[in-house]
Amino acid sequence: MASIIQHDTVEREEGPSRIAMTLVFLAVGFLAGTYWADPVGFLSTVEAFAQSVYDGVIQWGVAVVLTAVASWVVGRKRTNR
């Protein structure tokens, strides 16, 4: 699964740490348990979360585009002086 790399006298494993893997397994277990307890509620929660993420991405994209346009306009004004 993970190979061991030796640097001078210190050995370490390459790949994700045990703590990270444990946290991932706990999160997946929690999600599976939540789905098992109330599938309809779980799916509506996931749908609401996905819509929220989508809305946030759209807002972020608009902000980036507006910032780029404003930066371009300011740059043009400075070069035309």
Protein backbone atom coordinates (compact mmCIF):
# COMPACT_ATOMS: atom_id res chain seq x y z
CA MET A 1 0.00 0.00 0.00
CA ALA A 2 2.55 2.61 1.04
CA SER A 3 6.20 2.36 0.25
CA ILE A 4 8.86 3.23 2.79
CA ILE A 5 11.42 5.88 1.91
CA GLN A 6 14.64 6.20 3.86
CA HIS A 7 16.22 9.64 4.26
CA ASP A 8 19.58 9.41 6.02
CA THR A 9 18.54 7.69 9.26
CA VAL A 10 14.84 8.60 9.34
CA GLU A 11 12.28 6.30 7.78
CA ARG A 12 8.82 7.48 6.85
CA GLU A 13 5.92 6.07 4.92
CA GLU A 14 4.93 7.62 1.64
CA GLY A 15 1.24 8.31 1.16
CA PRO A 16 -1.61 9.53 3.34
CA SER A 17 -1.11 9.49 7.08
CA ARG A 18 -3.02 7.18 9.38
CA ILE A 19 -4.81 10.14 10.93
CA ALA A 20 -5.99 11.37 7.53
CA MET A 21 -7.23 7.91 6.58
CA THR A 22 -9.03 7.56 9.92
CA LEU A 23 -10.77 10.91 9.42
CA VAL A 24 -11.86 9.92 5.91
CA PHE A 25 -13.25 6.60 7.16
CA LEU A 26 -15.10 8.36 9.99
CA ALA A 27 -16.63 10.88 7.57
CA VAL A 28 -17.72 8.15 5.15
CA GLY A 29 -19.15 6.11 8.02
CA PHE A 30 -21.04 9.12 9.33
CA LEU A 31 -22.50 9.85 5.90
CA ALA A 32 -23.48 6.21 5.39
CA GLY A 33 -25.13 6.11 8.82
CA THR A 34 -27.02 9.31 8.15
CA TYR A 35 -28.24 7.96 4.82
CA TRP A 36 -29.27 4.65 6.41
CA ALA A 37 -31.24 6.43 9.16
CA ASP A 38 -33.16 8.81 6.85
CA PRO A 39 -32.53 8.43 3.10
CA VAL A 40 -35.05 11.11 2.05
CA GLY A 41 -33.76 13.67 4.53
CA PHE A 42 -30.17 12.87 3.60
CA LEU A 43 -30.81 13.33 -0.12
CA SER A 44 -32.63 16.64 0.43
CA THR A 45 -29.73 17.84 2.58
CA VAL A 46 -27.22 16.84 -0.09
CA GLU A 47 -29.31 18.58 -2.74
CA ALA A 48 -29.48 21.79 -0.67
CA PHE A 49 -25.72 21.63 -0.04
CA ALA A 50 -25.02 21.11 -3.75
CA GLN A 51 -27.23 24.07 -4.66
CA SER A 52 -25.43 26.21 -2.10
CA VAL A 53 -22.03 25.22 -3.50
CA TYR A 54 -23.23 25.93 -7.05
CA ASP A 55 -24.52 29.37 -6.01
CA GLY A 56 -21.21 30.10 -4.27
CA VAL A 57 -19.22 29.10 -7.36
CA ILE A 58 -21.37 31.36 -9.53
CA GLN A 59 -20.89 34.29 -7.13
CA TRP A 60 -17.13 33.65 -6.98
CA GLY A 61 -16.92 33.48 -10.77
CA VAL A 62 -18.80 36.75 -11.18
CA ALA A 63 -16.52 38.42 -8.62
CA VAL A 64 -13.40 37.16 -10.43
CA VAL A 65 -14.66 38.38 -13.81
CA LEU A 66 -15.63 41.79 -12.42
CA THR A 67 -12.25 42.12 -10.69
CA ALA A 68 -10.44 41.23 -13.91
CA VAL A 69 -12.46 43.75 -15.91
CA ALA A 70 -11.88 46.48 -13.31
CA SER A 71 -8.17 45.71 -13.27
CA TRP A 72 -8.02 45.85 -17.07
CA VAL A 73 -9.88 49.20 -17.13
CA VAL A 74 -7.58 50.71 -14.50
CA GLY A 75 -4.54 49.41 -16.36
CA ARG A 76 -5.73 50.95 -19.62
CA LYS A 77 -6.32 54.31 -17.94
CA ARG A 78 -2.79 54.31 -16.53
CA THR A 79 -1.19 53.46 -19.88
CA ASN A 80 -3.19 56.12 -21.73
CA ARG A 81 -1.91 58.95 -19.55
